[in-house]
Structures are given as structure tokens and as C-alpha cells.
Amino acid sequence: MAITFSGNAKAEMCRSNLAKSCCAMAQCFGILLFCNSFRADGIRIITESRELGAMLPKLFKRAFGIAFDLLPEENATGKLNFQITDRDKIHRIMSAYGFDANDTLSLHINLPVVEEDCCKAAFLRGAFLAGGSVTDPAKGYHLEFATTHGSVARECNSLIQEVLGLQPKTATRSGVCMLYVKQSDLIADCLTYLGAPVAAMGIIETKLEKELNNNVNRRCNCDDANTSKTVEAAQEQLSAIRTLQAQSRYQSLPVKLQQAAEARLENPEASLMELAAMMQPPISKPAMNHRLQKLVQKAQEGTQ
């Protein structure tokens, strides 16, 4: 199975040295709150990362002095399944984070666990390892954290704002709460903070390469009428978006229009087809054109 860009980033994070036992606890906390299941009746962590799979038994042994009750078979392929079913072990883990296994209705981030700066980084790294992903920059810019716990998502949002100074966008899909970032420079900053500077550099290098290619292509096709028309349309769209921002009407736009506007702002040279592929989920070229025309129309309405 080919290793993805996201898989390489996680492998890099797994090499981070947790010098303090408090950081091991914090990283386990991030993993547990963003894993497949962290409940009184069982803990289940499923991952495709071989590096995370190799690290988990050592990490939980250091943090809690316990072993998993179910481990993947040696040389297993596909997804790796780790489980703790022993109730005493589960009670010990939950108690370490201030939870009562018999009387906890919803999970949240226990702030004393992430009090130190090093523990904040370890917690967010664990959250990304268990419930995060980052898109290959050759295809687009998207980094996200996903959890089934609404309170955890809100508190993690605040923590990311505190330590990185950025505000992730939020979404809910099929009961899963997601925090996501789409700006390439912010994604690079986040990956560096989480312990994956090589992956972060990959984001930056790919963006520079795209910009260089875009400039070359633009110069080569500057005499082409269709290219000129595309450039003019893009400039009109960019102007409309900036007008909406200046008039403080941008934040009131529907989410789909904001998503289209962000894609155009980050990719001023991109074609409609390229922009359509960046949407989450991807849409058709005509649908992308309709969203951008809607932005122009709304900007014109505000200037009349």
C-alpha cells in the first residue's frame, strides 16, 4: 500500500521525542479523544499508520503502565486495530483524565493535562495522529481534525487558536465534528508545530512550484483569447470578493459561496475545473462557475 502525503506527515510526527511523562499523558489524551472509540465499555484505536501502530503500545505503557488487550497480528496489512476491554484498565485511564467511567456523559479536554506548552503540542499531535489528515499539496490544501465529541471539537478549536493564532473553520458531517484549515501557509505552520517540518516544507515547495508554473503558462498563453477571457473573469471575481469583504458582507454569505471565494483568493490563476476539484466535496465546472457568478452579482447589488 502506497504511503500518502498524510501518512508521511504522521510518520514524521511519530519520531518526535516525548521527553516528559506529562507529554506522554497529553499525547495519549489527544489520541483517545480523537480515536474511533473512547468509552467506559471499551477503547478502540484504528489506524493505517505503521509508525503510529509501532508507537502506541510503548506510549500507553509509559503513560499508564498498561498493555492493550487486542493488538494487530504481526505483519498485518490494511488497518491496524488496537483495543482495551478490561474495565479496570479503562477506569484507570479515565480516572487519570478526571473522568468517572460510571458517570461521564460527554468527554471534554481536561485543561490541567494541557497546561504546559510542551503538553499542548503533544496533545494536538496525538489528536492529529488519531483523527487528522492533510491533503497532498499537489491536489489541494486541506488539513483537518475530526472527532465525534462536540465539546472536544470546540475546546480543541480554542486551543489551536491559542497556540497557533489561527482559527480553523468548523463543519459537522454524519455526526463527526471537523476542524479544518485550507490556507497553505497556515497548514505549513500547523504541521511544523505538530512535529512534521519536512511535510511543511513540502507544502511550501509545491505552492512555489505551482506559482512558477502558473506564471510560465500565463506568459506562454497571453496572446490566446480564451486565456485572456479567463484572466478577466478571475480578476472580476477577485474584485467582487474584495468588495464583499470591504463591505463586511463576506461573513454573511452562504458557506458554499465562502468556500468558492476562498478557493479563488488562494488560486487566482486557477481554471474553473481546477477550482471545482478543490471544493469539499468536488463539484462540476458549471456549478463552480455559477458560484463565482453569484459572488459577482452580490457585489454588484451592494454598489447600486
C-alpha atoms as a PDB file:
ATOM      1  CA  MET A   1       0.000   0.000   0.000  1.00  0.00           C
ATOM      2  CA  ALA A   2       1.443   3.330  -1.113  1.00  0.00           C
ATOM      3  CA  ILE A   3       2.123   5.822   1.669  1.00  0.00           C
ATOM      4  CA  THR A   4       0.169   9.055   1.284  1.00  0.00           C
ATOM      5  CA  PHE A   5       1.375  12.579   1.998  1.00  0.00           C
ATOM      6  CA  SER A   6      -0.742  12.472   5.170  1.00  0.00           C
ATOM      7  CA  GLY A   7       0.816   9.140   6.133  1.00  0.00           C
ATOM      8  CA  ASN A   8       4.315  10.536   5.692  1.00  0.00           C
ATOM      9  CA  ALA A   9       3.426  13.551   7.861  1.00  0.00           C
ATOM     10  CA  LYS A  10       2.159  11.245  10.621  1.00  0.00           C
ATOM     11  CA  ALA A  11       5.258   9.061  10.361  1.00  0.00           C
ATOM     12  CA  GLU A  12       7.375  12.181  10.861  1.00  0.00           C
ATOM     13  CA  MET A  13       5.320  13.191  13.918  1.00  0.00           C
ATOM     14  CA  CYS A  14       5.770   9.748  15.449  1.00  0.00           C
ATOM     15  CA  ARG A  15       9.513  10.403  15.589  1.00  0.00           C
ATOM     16  CA  SER A  16       9.016  13.354  17.970  1.00  0.00           C
ATOM     17  CA  ASN A  17      10.716  12.734  21.292  1.00  0.00           C
ATOM     18  CA  LEU A  18       8.428  12.936  24.331  1.00  0.00           C
ATOM     19  CA  ALA A  19      10.999  13.884  26.947  1.00  0.00           C
ATOM     20  CA  LYS A  20       8.485  14.286  29.787  1.00  0.00           C
ATOM     21  CA  SER A  21       5.935  11.819  31.145  1.00  0.00           C
ATOM     22  CA  CYS A  22       3.333  14.612  31.213  1.00  0.00           C
ATOM     23  CA  CYS A  23       3.705  14.919  27.435  1.00  0.00           C
ATOM     24  CA  ALA A  24       3.108  11.173  27.037  1.00  0.00           C
ATOM     25  CA  MET A  25      -0.118  11.591  29.023  1.00  0.00           C
ATOM     26  CA  ALA A  26      -1.131  14.593  26.903  1.00  0.00           C
ATOM     27  CA  GLN A  27      -0.437  12.811  23.620  1.00  0.00           C
ATOM     28  CA  CYS A  28      -2.440   9.784  24.752  1.00  0.00           C
ATOM     29  CA  PHE A  29      -5.272  12.157  25.686  1.00  0.00           C
ATOM     30  CA  GLY A  30      -5.297  13.633  22.187  1.00  0.00           C
ATOM     31  CA  ILE A  31      -5.303  10.152  20.652  1.00  0.00           C
ATOM     32  CA  LEU A  32      -8.148   8.957  22.882  1.00  0.00           C
ATOM     33  CA  LEU A  33     -10.407  11.976  22.296  1.00  0.00           C
ATOM     34  CA  PHE A  34      -9.966  11.720  18.524  1.00  0.00           C
ATOM     35  CA  CYS A  35      -9.819   7.931  18.112  1.00  0.00           C
ATOM     36  CA  ASN A  36     -12.596   5.589  16.992  1.00  0.00           C
ATOM     37  CA  SER A  37     -13.976   4.878  20.464  1.00  0.00           C
ATOM     38  CA  PHE A  38     -13.149   6.062  23.988  1.00  0.00           C
ATOM     39  CA  ARG A  39     -15.955   4.870  26.265  1.00  0.00           C
ATOM     40  CA  ALA A  40     -16.467   3.087  29.535  1.00  0.00           C
ATOM     41  CA  ASP A  41     -17.248  -0.144  27.697  1.00  0.00           C
ATOM     42  CA  GLY A  42     -14.117  -0.093  25.552  1.00  0.00           C
ATOM     43  CA  ILE A  43     -11.329   1.785  23.843  1.00  0.00           C
ATOM     44  CA  ARG A  44     -10.671   1.198  20.147  1.00  0.00           C
ATOM     45  CA  ILE A  45      -7.960   2.867  18.049  1.00  0.00           C
ATOM     46  CA  ILE A  46      -7.832   2.051  14.333  1.00  0.00           C
ATOM     47  CA  THR A  47      -5.046   3.415  12.157  1.00  0.00           C
ATOM     48  CA  GLU A  48      -3.365   2.827   8.818  1.00  0.00           C
ATOM     49  CA  SER A  49      -0.094   4.330  10.079  1.00  0.00           C
ATOM     50  CA  ARG A  50       2.523   1.670  10.751  1.00  0.00           C
ATOM     51  CA  GLU A  51       4.580   4.204  12.686  1.00  0.00           C
ATOM     52  CA  LEU A  52       1.666   5.066  14.972  1.00  0.00           C
ATOM     53  CA  GLY A  53       0.935   1.361  15.345  1.00  0.00           C
ATOM     54  CA  ALA A  54       4.502   0.732  16.493  1.00  0.00           C
ATOM     55  CA  MET A  55       4.386   3.680  18.897  1.00  0.00           C
ATOM     56  CA  LEU A  56       1.009   3.077  20.589  1.00  0.00           C
ATOM     57  CA  PRO A  57       1.933   0.114  22.872  1.00  0.00           C
ATOM     58  CA  LYS A  58       5.077   1.911  24.099  1.00  0.00           C
ATOM     59  CA  LEU A  59       3.202   5.185  24.602  1.00  0.00           C
ATOM     60  CA  PHE A  60       0.371   3.658  26.648  1.00  0.00           C
ATOM     61  CA  LYS A  61       2.862   1.608  28.667  1.00  0.00           C
ATOM     62  CA  ARG A  62       4.763   4.771  29.564  1.00  0.00           C
ATOM     63  CA  ALA A  63       1.670   6.867  30.299  1.00  0.00           C
ATOM     64  CA  PHE A  64      -0.421   4.312  32.211  1.00  0.00           C
ATOM     65  CA  GLY A  65       1.707   1.209  32.724  1.00  0.00           C
ATOM     66  CA  ILE A  66      -0.833  -0.888  30.841  1.00  0.00           C
ATOM     67  CA  ALA A  67      -0.902  -3.036  27.696  1.00  0.00           C
ATOM     68  CA  PHE A  68      -3.591  -3.286  25.014  1.00  0.00           C
ATOM     69  CA  ASP A  69      -5.946  -6.253  25.284  1.00  0.00           C
ATOM     70  CA  LEU A  70      -6.093  -6.654  21.496  1.00  0.00           C
ATOM     71  CA  LEU A  71      -3.188  -5.946  19.166  1.00  0.00           C
ATOM     72  CA  PRO A  72      -2.937  -6.332  15.384  1.00  0.00           C
ATOM     73  CA  GLU A  73      -1.384  -9.522  14.132  1.00  0.00           C
ATOM     74  CA  GLU A  74       2.298  -9.319  13.314  1.00  0.00           C
ATOM     75  CA  ASN A  75       2.843  -8.238   9.688  1.00  0.00           C
ATOM     76  CA  ALA A  76      -0.858  -7.349   9.408  1.00  0.00           C
ATOM     77  CA  THR A  77      -1.876  -5.469   6.280  1.00  0.00           C
ATOM     78  CA  GLY A  78      -4.535  -2.784   5.961  1.00  0.00           C
ATOM     79  CA  LYS A  79      -5.877  -1.023   9.021  1.00  0.00           C
ATOM     80  CA  LEU A  80      -4.432  -1.792  12.455  1.00  0.00           C
ATOM     81  CA  ASN A  81      -6.851  -2.377  15.333  1.00  0.00           C
ATOM     82  CA  PHE A  82      -5.879  -1.699  18.974  1.00  0.00           C
ATOM     83  CA  GLN A  83      -8.380  -2.331  21.787  1.00  0.00           C
ATOM     84  CA  ILE A  84      -8.614  -2.128  25.566  1.00  0.00           C
ATOM     85  CA  THR A  85     -11.590  -4.009  27.000  1.00  0.00           C
ATOM     86  CA  ASP A  86     -10.522  -4.659  30.601  1.00  0.00           C
ATOM     87  CA  ARG A  87     -12.729  -2.457  32.770  1.00  0.00           C
ATOM     88  CA  ASP A  88     -10.025  -1.850  35.386  1.00  0.00           C
ATOM     89  CA  LYS A  89      -7.667  -0.536  32.710  1.00  0.00           C
ATOM     90  CA  ILE A  90     -10.392   1.699  31.241  1.00  0.00           C
ATOM     91  CA  HIS A  91     -11.259   3.059  34.707  1.00  0.00           C
ATOM     92  CA  ARG A  92      -7.584   3.770  35.362  1.00  0.00           C
ATOM     93  CA  ILE A  93      -7.217   5.681  32.096  1.00  0.00           C
ATOM     94  CA  MET A  94     -10.417   7.669  32.528  1.00  0.00           C
ATOM     95  CA  SER A  95      -9.552   8.491  36.113  1.00  0.00           C
ATOM     96  CA  ALA A  96      -6.153   9.815  35.002  1.00  0.00           C
ATOM     97  CA  TYR A  97      -8.007  12.432  32.928  1.00  0.00           C
ATOM     98  CA  GLY A  98     -10.565  13.330  35.579  1.00  0.00           C
ATOM     99  CA  PHE A  99     -13.438  11.240  34.212  1.00  0.00           C
ATOM    100  CA  ASP A 100     -15.693   8.829  36.070  1.00  0.00           C
ATOM    101  CA  ALA A 101     -16.227   5.820  33.841  1.00  0.00           C
ATOM    102  CA  ASN A 102     -19.592   5.194  35.504  1.00  0.00           C
ATOM    103  CA  ASP A 103     -20.853   8.775  35.373  1.00  0.00           C
ATOM    104  CA  THR A 104     -19.423  10.615  32.348  1.00  0.00           C
ATOM    105  CA  LEU A 105     -21.991  11.614  29.740  1.00  0.00           C
ATOM    106  CA  SER A 106     -19.709  13.628  27.474  1.00  0.00           C
ATOM    107  CA  LEU A 107     -15.957  13.929  27.132  1.00  0.00           C
ATOM    108  CA  HIS A 108     -14.024  17.184  27.141  1.00  0.00           C
ATOM    109  CA  ILE A 109     -10.435  18.432  27.311  1.00  0.00           C
ATOM    110  CA  ASN A 110      -9.289  18.455  30.930  1.00  0.00           C
ATOM    111  CA  LEU A 111      -7.232  21.665  30.960  1.00  0.00           C
ATOM    112  CA  PRO A 112      -4.656  20.631  33.614  1.00  0.00           C
ATOM    113  CA  VAL A 113      -3.497  17.891  31.233  1.00  0.00           C
ATOM    114  CA  VAL A 114      -2.541  20.526  28.623  1.00  0.00           C
ATOM    115  CA  GLU A 115      -1.342  23.226  30.983  1.00  0.00           C
ATOM    116  CA  GLU A 116       2.299  23.268  29.825  1.00  0.00           C
ATOM    117  CA  ASP A 117       3.273  24.425  26.316  1.00  0.00           C
ATOM    118  CA  CYS A 118       5.007  21.121  25.595  1.00  0.00           C
ATOM    119  CA  CYS A 119       1.839  19.241  26.579  1.00  0.00           C
ATOM    120  CA  LYS A 120      -0.332  21.405  24.322  1.00  0.00           C
ATOM    121  CA  ALA A 121       1.837  20.412  21.358  1.00  0.00           C
ATOM    122  CA  ALA A 122       1.801  16.738  22.410  1.00  0.00           C
ATOM    123  CA  PHE A 123      -1.989  16.757  22.798  1.00  0.00           C
ATOM    124  CA  LEU A 124      -2.616  18.275  19.357  1.00  0.00           C
ATOM    125  CA  ARG A 125      -0.093  15.887  17.817  1.00  0.00           C
ATOM    126  CA  GLY A 126      -1.978  12.952  19.322  1.00  0.00           C
ATOM    127  CA  ALA A 127      -5.281  14.385  18.087  1.00  0.00           C
ATOM    128  CA  PHE A 128      -3.912  14.652  14.547  1.00  0.00           C
ATOM    129  CA  LEU A 129      -2.361  11.173  14.638  1.00  0.00           C
ATOM    130  CA  ALA A 130      -5.702   9.624  15.617  1.00  0.00           C
ATOM    131  CA  GLY A 131      -8.234  11.846  13.859  1.00  0.00           C
ATOM    132  CA  GLY A 132      -6.373  14.117  11.471  1.00  0.00           C
ATOM    133  CA  SER A 133      -5.403  14.206   7.819  1.00  0.00           C
ATOM    134  CA  VAL A 134      -3.709  16.529   5.346  1.00  0.00           C
ATOM    135  CA  THR A 135      -4.231  16.547   1.589  1.00  0.00           C
ATOM    136  CA  ASP A 136      -1.360  16.080  -0.832  1.00  0.00           C
ATOM    137  CA  PRO A 137      -0.494  19.684  -1.778  1.00  0.00           C
ATOM    138  CA  ALA A 138      -0.269  18.659  -5.433  1.00  0.00           C
ATOM    139  CA  LYS A 139      -4.037  18.118  -5.275  1.00  0.00           C
ATOM    140  CA  GLY A 140      -5.081  20.925  -2.922  1.00  0.00           C
ATOM    141  CA  TYR A 141      -4.663  22.475   0.510  1.00  0.00           C
ATOM    142  CA  HIS A 142      -6.712  20.939   3.323  1.00  0.00           C
ATOM    143  CA  LEU A 143      -5.799  19.904   6.870  1.00  0.00           C
ATOM    144  CA  GLU A 144      -8.407  18.668   9.338  1.00  0.00           C
ATOM    145  CA  PHE A 145      -9.031  17.191  12.770  1.00  0.00           C
ATOM    146  CA  ALA A 146     -12.145  15.003  13.202  1.00  0.00           C
ATOM    147  CA  THR A 147     -13.844  13.790  16.401  1.00  0.00           C
ATOM    148  CA  THR A 148     -17.275  12.535  17.413  1.00  0.00           C
ATOM    149  CA  HIS A 149     -17.207  14.662  20.578  1.00  0.00           C
ATOM    150  CA  GLY A 150     -18.717  18.131  20.086  1.00  0.00           C
ATOM    151  CA  SER A 151     -17.279  19.592  23.298  1.00  0.00           C
ATOM    152  CA  VAL A 152     -13.825  18.313  22.402  1.00  0.00           C
ATOM    153  CA  ALA A 153     -14.024  19.928  18.956  1.00  0.00           C
ATOM    154  CA  ARG A 154     -14.979  23.318  20.427  1.00  0.00           C
ATOM    155  CA  GLU A 155     -12.266  23.201  23.088  1.00  0.00           C
ATOM    156  CA  CYS A 156      -9.661  21.999  20.591  1.00  0.00           C
ATOM    157  CA  ASN A 157     -10.595  24.925  18.344  1.00  0.00           C
ATOM    158  CA  SER A 158      -9.826  27.301  21.218  1.00  0.00           C
ATOM    159  CA  LEU A 159      -6.546  25.512  21.930  1.00  0.00           C
ATOM    160  CA  ILE A 160      -5.436  25.791  18.287  1.00  0.00           C
ATOM    161  CA  GLN A 161      -6.277  29.500  18.317  1.00  0.00           C
ATOM    162  CA  GLU A 162      -4.234  29.924  21.497  1.00  0.00           C
ATOM    163  CA  VAL A 163      -1.060  28.160  20.403  1.00  0.00           C
ATOM    164  CA  LEU A 164      -1.039  28.871  16.665  1.00  0.00           C
ATOM    165  CA  GLY A 165      -3.015  32.093  16.367  1.00  0.00           C
ATOM    166  CA  LEU A 166      -5.254  30.687  13.639  1.00  0.00           C
ATOM    167  CA  GLN A 167      -8.964  29.996  13.676  1.00  0.00           C
ATOM    168  CA  PRO A 168      -9.975  26.736  11.974  1.00  0.00           C
ATOM    169  CA  LYS A 169     -13.255  26.518  10.119  1.00  0.00           C
ATOM    170  CA  THR A 170     -15.795  24.035  11.531  1.00  0.00           C
ATOM    171  CA  ALA A 171     -18.203  21.565   9.975  1.00  0.00           C
ATOM    172  CA  THR A 172     -20.288  18.566  11.016  1.00  0.00           C
ATOM    173  CA  ARG A 173     -20.762  15.565   8.760  1.00  0.00           C
ATOM    174  CA  SER A 174     -22.577  12.362   9.728  1.00  0.00           C
ATOM    175  CA  GLY A 175     -22.168  13.110  13.439  1.00  0.00           C
ATOM    176  CA  VAL A 176     -18.448  13.860  13.114  1.00  0.00           C
ATOM    177  CA  CYS A 177     -17.198  17.324  14.132  1.00  0.00           C
ATOM    178  CA  MET A 178     -14.389  18.647  11.951  1.00  0.00           C
ATOM    179  CA  LEU A 179     -11.918  21.492  12.331  1.00  0.00           C
ATOM    180  CA  TYR A 180     -10.177  22.352   9.087  1.00  0.00           C
ATOM    181  CA  VAL A 181      -7.701  24.775   7.539  1.00  0.00           C
ATOM    182  CA  LYS A 182      -7.330  25.489   3.824  1.00  0.00           C
ATOM    183  CA  GLN A 183      -4.645  28.189   3.640  1.00  0.00           C
ATOM    184  CA  SER A 184      -1.346  26.658   2.552  1.00  0.00           C
ATOM    185  CA  ASP A 185       0.818  28.829   4.798  1.00  0.00           C
ATOM    186  CA  LEU A 186      -1.318  28.081   7.864  1.00  0.00           C
ATOM    187  CA  ILE A 187      -1.224  24.351   7.108  1.00  0.00           C
ATOM    188  CA  ALA A 188       2.571  24.535   6.909  1.00  0.00           C
ATOM    189  CA  ASP A 189       2.697  26.346  10.268  1.00  0.00           C
ATOM    190  CA  CYS A 190       0.426  23.732  11.833  1.00  0.00           C
ATOM    191  CA  LEU A 191       2.474  20.780  10.530  1.00  0.00           C
ATOM    192  CA  THR A 192       5.685  22.372  11.809  1.00  0.00           C
ATOM    193  CA  TYR A 193       4.143  22.851  15.265  1.00  0.00           C
ATOM    194  CA  LEU A 194       2.922  19.246  15.330  1.00  0.00           C
ATOM    195  CA  GLY A 195       6.413  17.934  14.594  1.00  0.00           C
ATOM    196  CA  ALA A 196       6.390  17.474  10.793  1.00  0.00           C
ATOM    197  CA  PRO A 197       8.646  20.243   9.395  1.00  0.00           C
ATOM    198  CA  VAL A 198       9.618  18.168   6.347  1.00  0.00           C
ATOM    199  CA  ALA A 199       5.956  17.795   5.363  1.00  0.00           C
ATOM    200  CA  ALA A 200       5.505  21.513   5.975  1.00  0.00           C
ATOM    201  CA  MET A 201       8.377  22.262   3.604  1.00  0.00           C
ATOM    202  CA  GLY A 202       6.703  20.014   1.038  1.00  0.00           C
ATOM    203  CA  ILE A 203       3.626  22.253   1.196  1.00  0.00           C
ATOM    204  CA  ILE A 204       5.717  25.379   0.661  1.00  0.00           C
ATOM    205  CA  GLU A 205       7.770  23.900  -2.187  1.00  0.00           C
ATOM    206  CA  THR A 206       4.682  22.640  -4.002  1.00  0.00           C
ATOM    207  CA  LYS A 207       2.994  26.034  -3.727  1.00  0.00           C
ATOM    208  CA  LEU A 208       6.080  27.779  -5.144  1.00  0.00           C
ATOM    209  CA  GLU A 209       6.233  25.274  -7.983  1.00  0.00           C
ATOM    210  CA  LYS A 210       2.557  25.843  -8.773  1.00  0.00           C
ATOM    211  CA  GLU A 211       3.047  29.600  -8.798  1.00  0.00           C
ATOM    212  CA  LEU A 212       6.047  29.278 -11.089  1.00  0.00           C
ATOM    213  CA  ASN A 213       4.160  27.013 -13.477  1.00  0.00           C
ATOM    214  CA  ASN A 214       1.176  29.352 -13.428  1.00  0.00           C
ATOM    215  CA  ASN A 215       3.387  32.303 -14.304  1.00  0.00           C
ATOM    216  CA  VAL A 216       5.046  30.403 -17.143  1.00  0.00           C
ATOM    217  CA  ASN A 217       1.733  29.213 -18.507  1.00  0.00           C
ATOM    218  CA  ARG A 218       0.242  32.674 -18.286  1.00  0.00           C
ATOM    219  CA  ARG A 219       3.104  34.193 -20.263  1.00  0.00           C
ATOM    220  CA  CYS A 220       3.020  31.449 -22.881  1.00  0.00           C
ATOM    221  CA  ASN A 221      -0.706  31.883 -23.426  1.00  0.00           C
ATOM    222  CA  CYS A 222      -1.007  35.625 -23.001  1.00  0.00           C
ATOM    223  CA  ASP A 223      -1.972  36.044 -26.687  1.00  0.00           C
ATOM    224  CA  ASP A 224      -4.667  33.445 -26.518  1.00  0.00           C
ATOM    225  CA  ALA A 225      -8.153  34.955 -26.453  1.00  0.00           C
ATOM    226  CA  ASN A 226      -9.612  32.258 -24.253  1.00  0.00           C
ATOM    227  CA  THR A 227      -6.864  32.717 -21.670  1.00  0.00           C
ATOM    228  CA  SER A 228      -7.428  36.457 -21.682  1.00  0.00           C
ATOM    229  CA  LYS A 229     -11.102  35.898 -21.102  1.00  0.00           C
ATOM    230  CA  THR A 230     -10.361  33.569 -18.198  1.00  0.00           C
ATOM    231  CA  VAL A 231      -7.962  36.058 -16.621  1.00  0.00           C
ATOM    232  CA  GLU A 232     -10.503  38.859 -16.958  1.00  0.00           C
ATOM    233  CA  ALA A 233     -13.196  36.726 -15.357  1.00  0.00           C
ATOM    234  CA  ALA A 234     -10.859  35.796 -12.490  1.00  0.00           C
ATOM    235  CA  GLN A 235      -9.987  39.447 -11.898  1.00  0.00           C
ATOM    236  CA  GLU A 236     -13.677  40.342 -11.842  1.00  0.00           C
ATOM    237  CA  GLN A 237     -14.314  37.584  -9.315  1.00  0.00           C
ATOM    238  CA  LEU A 238     -11.386  38.665  -7.120  1.00  0.00           C
ATOM    239  CA  SER A 239     -12.603  42.267  -7.227  1.00  0.00           C
ATOM    240  CA  ALA A 240     -16.120  41.156  -6.262  1.00  0.00           C
ATOM    241  CA  ILE A 241     -14.809  39.115  -3.329  1.00  0.00           C
ATOM    242  CA  ARG A 242     -12.709  42.006  -2.045  1.00  0.00           C
ATOM    243  CA  THR A 243     -15.729  44.315  -2.392  1.00  0.00           C
ATOM    244  CA  LEU A 244     -17.837  41.956  -0.284  1.00  0.00           C
ATOM    245  CA  GLN A 245     -15.071  41.822   2.325  1.00  0.00           C
ATOM    246  CA  ALA A 246     -14.713  45.605   2.390  1.00  0.00           C
ATOM    247  CA  GLN A 247     -18.463  45.997   2.849  1.00  0.00           C
ATOM    248  CA  SER A 248     -18.459  43.452   5.733  1.00  0.00           C
ATOM    249  CA  ARG A 249     -20.902  41.271   3.809  1.00  0.00           C
ATOM    250  CA  TYR A 250     -18.497  38.368   3.270  1.00  0.00           C
ATOM    251  CA  GLN A 251     -19.186  36.554   6.563  1.00  0.00           C
ATOM    252  CA  SER A 252     -22.940  36.523   5.885  1.00  0.00           C
ATOM    253  CA  LEU A 253     -22.515  34.658   2.595  1.00  0.00           C
ATOM    254  CA  PRO A 254     -23.657  31.015   2.402  1.00  0.00           C
ATOM    255  CA  VAL A 255     -20.902  28.530   3.245  1.00  0.00           C
ATOM    256  CA  LYS A 256     -20.695  27.275  -0.364  1.00  0.00           C
ATOM    257  CA  LEU A 257     -20.058  30.791  -1.663  1.00  0.00           C
ATOM    258  CA  GLN A 258     -17.425  31.423   1.025  1.00  0.00           C
ATOM    259  CA  GLN A 259     -15.729  28.148   0.045  1.00  0.00           C
ATOM    260  CA  ALA A 260     -15.687  29.239  -3.616  1.00  0.00           C
ATOM    261  CA  ALA A 261     -14.359  32.687  -2.660  1.00  0.00           C
ATOM    262  CA  GLU A 262     -11.532  31.223  -0.550  1.00  0.00           C
ATOM    263  CA  ALA A 263     -10.503  28.901  -3.406  1.00  0.00           C
ATOM    264  CA  ARG A 264     -10.376  31.803  -5.873  1.00  0.00           C
ATOM    265  CA  LEU A 265      -8.447  34.052  -3.453  1.00  0.00           C
ATOM    266  CA  GLU A 266      -5.831  31.349  -2.849  1.00  0.00           C
ATOM    267  CA  ASN A 267      -5.662  30.351  -6.529  1.00  0.00           C
ATOM    268  CA  PRO A 268      -6.106  33.482  -8.656  1.00  0.00           C
ATOM    269  CA  GLU A 269      -4.648  31.744 -11.736  1.00  0.00           C
ATOM    270  CA  ALA A 270      -6.654  28.508 -11.463  1.00  0.00           C
ATOM    271  CA  SER A 271      -9.210  27.447 -14.049  1.00  0.00           C
ATOM    272  CA  LEU A 272     -12.837  26.728 -13.250  1.00  0.00           C
ATOM    273  CA  MET A 273     -12.151  22.998 -13.499  1.00  0.00           C
ATOM    274  CA  GLU A 274      -9.231  23.237 -11.061  1.00  0.00           C
ATOM    275  CA  LEU A 275     -11.280  25.300  -8.609  1.00  0.00           C
ATOM    276  CA  ALA A 276     -14.206  22.862  -8.871  1.00  0.00           C
ATOM    277  CA  ALA A 277     -11.885  19.999  -7.884  1.00  0.00           C
ATOM    278  CA  MET A 278     -10.804  21.923  -4.756  1.00  0.00           C
ATOM    279  CA  MET A 279     -14.343  22.073  -3.341  1.00  0.00           C
ATOM    280  CA  GLN A 280     -15.321  19.788  -0.472  1.00  0.00           C
ATOM    281  CA  PRO A 281     -16.866  17.714  -1.926  1.00  0.00           C
ATOM    282  CA  PRO A 282     -15.694  18.381  -5.537  1.00  0.00           C
ATOM    283  CA  ILE A 283     -18.329  19.910  -7.843  1.00  0.00           C
ATOM    284  CA  SER A 284     -18.782  20.320 -11.599  1.00  0.00           C
ATOM    285  CA  LYS A 285     -17.249  23.112 -13.664  1.00  0.00           C
ATOM    286  CA  PRO A 286     -20.691  24.705 -14.365  1.00  0.00           C
ATOM    287  CA  ALA A 287     -21.545  24.604 -10.646  1.00  0.00           C
ATOM    288  CA  MET A 288     -18.257  26.361  -9.843  1.00  0.00           C
ATOM    289  CA  ASN A 289     -18.954  28.985 -12.496  1.00  0.00           C
ATOM    290  CA  HIS A 290     -22.424  29.551 -11.020  1.00  0.00           C
ATOM    291  CA  ARG A 291     -20.987  30.158  -7.517  1.00  0.00           C
ATOM    292  CA  LEU A 292     -18.426  32.668  -8.800  1.00  0.00           C
ATOM    293  CA  GLN A 293     -21.036  34.491 -10.893  1.00  0.00           C
ATOM    294  CA  LYS A 294     -23.238  34.652  -7.791  1.00  0.00           C
ATOM    295  CA  LEU A 295     -20.395  36.370  -5.907  1.00  0.00           C
ATOM    296  CA  VAL A 296     -20.051  38.955  -8.692  1.00  0.00           C
ATOM    297  CA  GLN A 297     -23.813  39.508  -8.705  1.00  0.00           C
ATOM    298  CA  LYS A 298     -23.943  40.045  -4.938  1.00  0.00           C
ATOM    299  CA  ALA A 299     -21.055  42.523  -5.092  1.00  0.00           C
ATOM    300  CA  GLN A 300     -22.814  44.472  -7.847  1.00  0.00           C
ATOM    301  CA  GLU A 301     -26.062  44.563  -5.850  1.00  0.00           C
ATOM    302  CA  GLY A 302     -24.231  46.243  -2.960  1.00  0.00           C
ATOM    303  CA  THR A 303     -22.803  49.020  -5.128  1.00  0.00           C
ATOM    304  CA  GLN A 304     -26.050  50.071  -6.770  1.00  0.00           C
END
